[in-house]
Amino acid sequence: MLENGEVVPAAADAVPAVTLKLTPGLMLRFAARDEAAWKEVEVAGDTNFAAAINHLARNLRWDVEEDLSRVFGDIAAHRMAETGRTFQRWGEQTAENLGRSFAEYWTEEQPLIASAREVEEFNRAVDALRDNVARLEKRLEYLTTRNDTSKT
C-alpha cells in the first residue's frame, strides 16, 4: 500500500495475510445486501485483517458523483449519477417483481412451492394425526392391561 492509501499489486511470491472463501451463492447474497451472508464466509489467516475487510465492505461507499465531476463537471456528473441510481432502483424493483411473479407461479399455477396456508394446513393435519395415534396407543395399552388383569 502506498502512503496516499492506494493499493499496489503484491509480489508474485507473497503469501496472503488472509484468505476469504466465497461461493457464488454468497456473492449473490452480497449483491442483494444480505448482511447475514458475512457469517458464512470461510476465513483463513489473520482474522483481525478479515474483520477490517468486513468493516470496509459494509461501510465504505464509492462517491461516484465526486469522481465523475472531476472528469465531466458537477452538473453532468450529478445527472449521470442520478441516471445510474434510477437504473439501480429500476433493476431492484424488476428483480423484486420477478421474484414475486415466480413465487406466485410456483405456488398457484405450477405448485412447486407450498403456500403458507398449505403448510399450516399440513402442520395441523400432522398434529391431529400425531394426537390420534397417541390416543390409539393409550387405548391399546389400556385394553391390553385390562385384558391381562382379567386373565388372572
Protein backbone atom coordinates (compact mmCIF):
# COMPACT_ATOMS: atom_id res chain seq x y z
CA MET A 1 0.00 0.00 0.00
CA LEU A 2 1.23 3.47 -0.83
CA GLU A 3 1.29 6.41 1.57
CA ASN A 4 -1.68 8.02 -0.17
CA GLY A 5 -3.80 4.91 0.51
CA GLU A 6 -3.65 3.40 -2.96
CA VAL A 7 -3.18 -0.34 -3.24
CA VAL A 8 -0.35 -1.86 -5.28
CA PRO A 9 -0.07 -5.44 -6.56
CA ALA A 10 1.68 -7.86 -4.23
CA ALA A 11 4.87 -9.65 -5.18
CA ALA A 12 4.32 -12.90 -7.09
CA ASP A 13 5.75 -14.99 -4.22
CA ALA A 14 3.87 -13.14 -1.44
CA VAL A 15 1.78 -15.22 0.97
CA PRO A 16 -1.69 -13.74 1.58
CA ALA A 17 -2.31 -12.47 5.11
CA VAL A 18 -5.92 -13.59 4.92
CA THR A 19 -7.98 -15.69 2.54
CA LEU A 20 -11.75 -15.32 2.24
CA LYS A 21 -13.59 -18.18 0.56
CA LEU A 22 -16.82 -17.11 -1.14
CA THR A 23 -19.29 -19.26 -3.04
CA PRO A 24 -21.35 -17.98 -5.99
CA GLY A 25 -24.43 -18.12 -3.75
CA LEU A 26 -22.74 -15.89 -1.19
CA MET A 27 -21.77 -13.44 -3.92
CA LEU A 28 -25.43 -13.18 -4.94
CA ARG A 29 -26.41 -12.61 -1.31
CA PHE A 30 -23.78 -9.86 -1.03
CA ALA A 31 -25.16 -8.25 -4.18
CA ALA A 32 -28.59 -8.32 -2.54
CA ARG A 33 -27.04 -6.68 0.55
CA ASP A 34 -27.77 -9.64 2.82
CA GLU A 35 -25.79 -8.83 5.99
CA ALA A 36 -26.16 -12.40 7.28
CA ALA A 37 -24.04 -13.67 4.36
CA TRP A 38 -20.86 -12.47 6.09
CA LYS A 39 -21.33 -15.15 8.75
CA GLU A 40 -20.91 -17.87 6.10
CA VAL A 41 -17.63 -16.64 4.62
CA GLU A 42 -14.75 -19.02 5.35
CA VAL A 43 -11.73 -17.14 6.72
CA ALA A 44 -8.17 -18.46 6.77
CA GLY A 45 -5.30 -16.41 8.17
CA ASP A 46 -5.36 -13.11 10.04
CA THR A 47 -8.88 -12.80 11.45
CA ASN A 48 -8.30 -9.18 12.52
CA PHE A 49 -7.48 -8.27 8.94
CA ALA A 50 -10.58 -10.18 7.78
CA ALA A 51 -12.67 -8.19 10.28
CA ALA A 52 -11.21 -4.95 8.88
CA ILE A 53 -12.12 -6.07 5.33
CA ASN A 54 -15.62 -6.90 6.56
CA HIS A 55 -15.93 -3.45 8.14
CA LEU A 56 -14.77 -1.74 4.94
CA ALA A 57 -17.11 -3.79 2.77
CA ARG A 58 -20.07 -2.87 4.95
CA ASN A 59 -19.29 0.81 5.42
CA LEU A 60 -17.17 2.06 2.52
CA ARG A 61 -19.20 3.62 -0.28
CA TRP A 62 -17.76 4.92 -3.52
CA ASP A 63 -18.67 8.53 -4.19
CA VAL A 64 -19.19 8.03 -7.91
CA GLU A 65 -20.57 11.51 -8.39
CA GLU A 66 -17.41 13.10 -6.97
CA ASP A 67 -15.13 11.08 -9.25
CA LEU A 68 -17.30 11.79 -12.31
CA SER A 69 -17.34 15.52 -11.53
CA ARG A 70 -13.56 15.66 -11.89
CA VAL A 71 -13.86 14.44 -15.48
CA PHE A 72 -17.23 15.78 -16.68
CA GLY A 73 -18.05 18.65 -14.30
CA ASP A 74 -20.56 18.89 -11.47
CA ILE A 75 -23.82 19.15 -13.42
CA ALA A 76 -23.08 16.31 -15.84
CA ALA A 77 -21.77 14.14 -13.01
CA HIS A 78 -24.90 14.73 -10.98
CA ARG A 79 -27.12 13.79 -13.94
CA MET A 80 -25.07 10.68 -14.71
CA ALA A 81 -25.13 9.57 -11.06
CA GLU A 82 -28.87 10.20 -10.82
CA THR A 83 -29.41 8.19 -14.01
CA GLY A 84 -27.35 5.39 -12.50
CA ARG A 85 -29.39 5.48 -9.29
CA THR A 86 -32.61 5.41 -11.35
CA PHE A 87 -31.38 2.34 -13.25
CA GLN A 88 -30.39 0.70 -9.97
CA ARG A 89 -33.86 1.32 -8.48
CA TRP A 90 -35.44 0.03 -11.68
CA GLY A 91 -33.28 -3.10 -11.54
CA GLU A 92 -34.09 -3.73 -7.89
CA GLN A 93 -37.82 -3.25 -8.50
CA THR A 94 -37.68 -5.51 -11.54
CA ALA A 95 -35.87 -8.23 -9.60
CA GLU A 96 -38.40 -7.98 -6.76
CA ASN A 97 -41.35 -8.13 -9.18
CA LEU A 98 -39.79 -11.08 -11.00
CA GLY A 99 -39.25 -12.91 -7.71
CA ARG A 100 -42.85 -12.32 -6.66
CA SER A 101 -44.08 -13.48 -10.06
CA PHE A 102 -42.05 -16.69 -9.85
CA ALA A 103 -43.26 -17.31 -6.30
CA GLU A 104 -46.87 -16.79 -7.35
CA TYR A 105 -46.42 -19.01 -10.42
CA TRP A 106 -44.79 -21.79 -8.40
CA THR A 107 -47.41 -21.67 -5.65
CA GLU A 108 -50.55 -21.08 -7.76
CA GLU A 109 -50.04 -22.10 -11.40
CA GLN A 110 -47.47 -24.88 -11.18
CA PRO A 111 -47.36 -25.88 -7.50
CA LEU A 112 -43.67 -26.40 -6.93
CA ILE A 113 -43.64 -24.48 -3.66
CA ALA A 114 -46.29 -24.83 -0.97
CA SER A 115 -48.08 -21.66 0.06
CA ALA A 116 -48.03 -20.57 3.70
CA ARG A 117 -51.68 -21.60 4.05
CA GLU A 118 -50.97 -25.09 2.68
CA VAL A 119 -48.01 -25.53 5.03
CA GLU A 120 -50.17 -24.51 8.00
CA GLU A 121 -52.90 -26.95 6.94
CA PHE A 122 -50.33 -29.72 6.56
CA ASN A 123 -48.88 -28.97 10.02
CA ARG A 124 -52.36 -29.05 11.56
CA ALA A 125 -53.09 -32.38 9.87
CA VAL A 126 -49.79 -33.84 11.12
CA ASP A 127 -50.55 -32.60 14.67
CA ALA A 128 -54.03 -34.13 14.53
CA LEU A 129 -52.63 -37.44 13.25
CA ARG A 130 -49.98 -37.48 15.99
CA ASP A 131 -52.65 -36.84 18.64
CA ASN A 132 -54.88 -39.58 17.19
CA VAL A 133 -52.00 -42.08 17.17
CA ALA A 134 -51.15 -41.18 20.78
CA ARG A 135 -54.80 -41.72 21.82
CA LEU A 136 -54.89 -45.04 19.95
CA GLU A 137 -51.69 -46.18 21.66
CA LYS A 138 -53.11 -45.26 25.07
CA ARG A 139 -56.36 -47.09 24.24
CA LEU A 140 -54.46 -50.20 23.10
CA GLU A 141 -52.30 -50.05 26.22
CA TYR A 142 -55.42 -49.75 28.39
CA LEU A 143 -57.15 -52.66 26.62
CA THR A 144 -54.04 -54.83 26.81
CA THR A 145 -53.61 -54.08 30.51
CA ARG A 146 -57.31 -54.71 31.20
CA ASN A 147 -57.21 -57.96 29.25
CA ASP A 148 -54.10 -59.13 31.17
CA THR A 149 -55.67 -58.35 34.57
CA SER A 150 -58.93 -60.15 33.70
CA LYS A 151 -57.00 -63.37 32.95
CA THR A 152 -55.55 -63.60 36.46
